[in-house]
């Protein structure tokens, strides 16, 4: 009896020779962009649902307020992850550290403020 010890490729693991078609979605920057798009779509949808004065308070309390809290926490996490991107590049010796972290911090703070302002104004 002869045993073969040759490893078989796992079908769940991607082939390393193929280009990753989802690489742009596996970064914190891509996640920030997706979060902003989702936030804009949610606010756009909620603006129409709070036009009825009888249900506006319940709509805000039951759906928009929890979304605003979750979105704020998400933007704070993204702010933390993306603000440290410049420091990580500098530590890795990737050359001059850019100011992209400042841009992401400002964008996250603007999105948090815009989300809460839209909630209270609508």
Foldseek 3Di string as FASTA:
>chain_A
DDDDPDDDDDPVDDDPVDDDPCVCCPDLVNVVVVLVVVLVVVLVVLVVVLPPVVCNVVCLVPPLVVVLVVSLVVLVVSLVVLLCPQVVCVVVVVDHRDPVSVVSNVVSVVSSVVSVVSSVVD
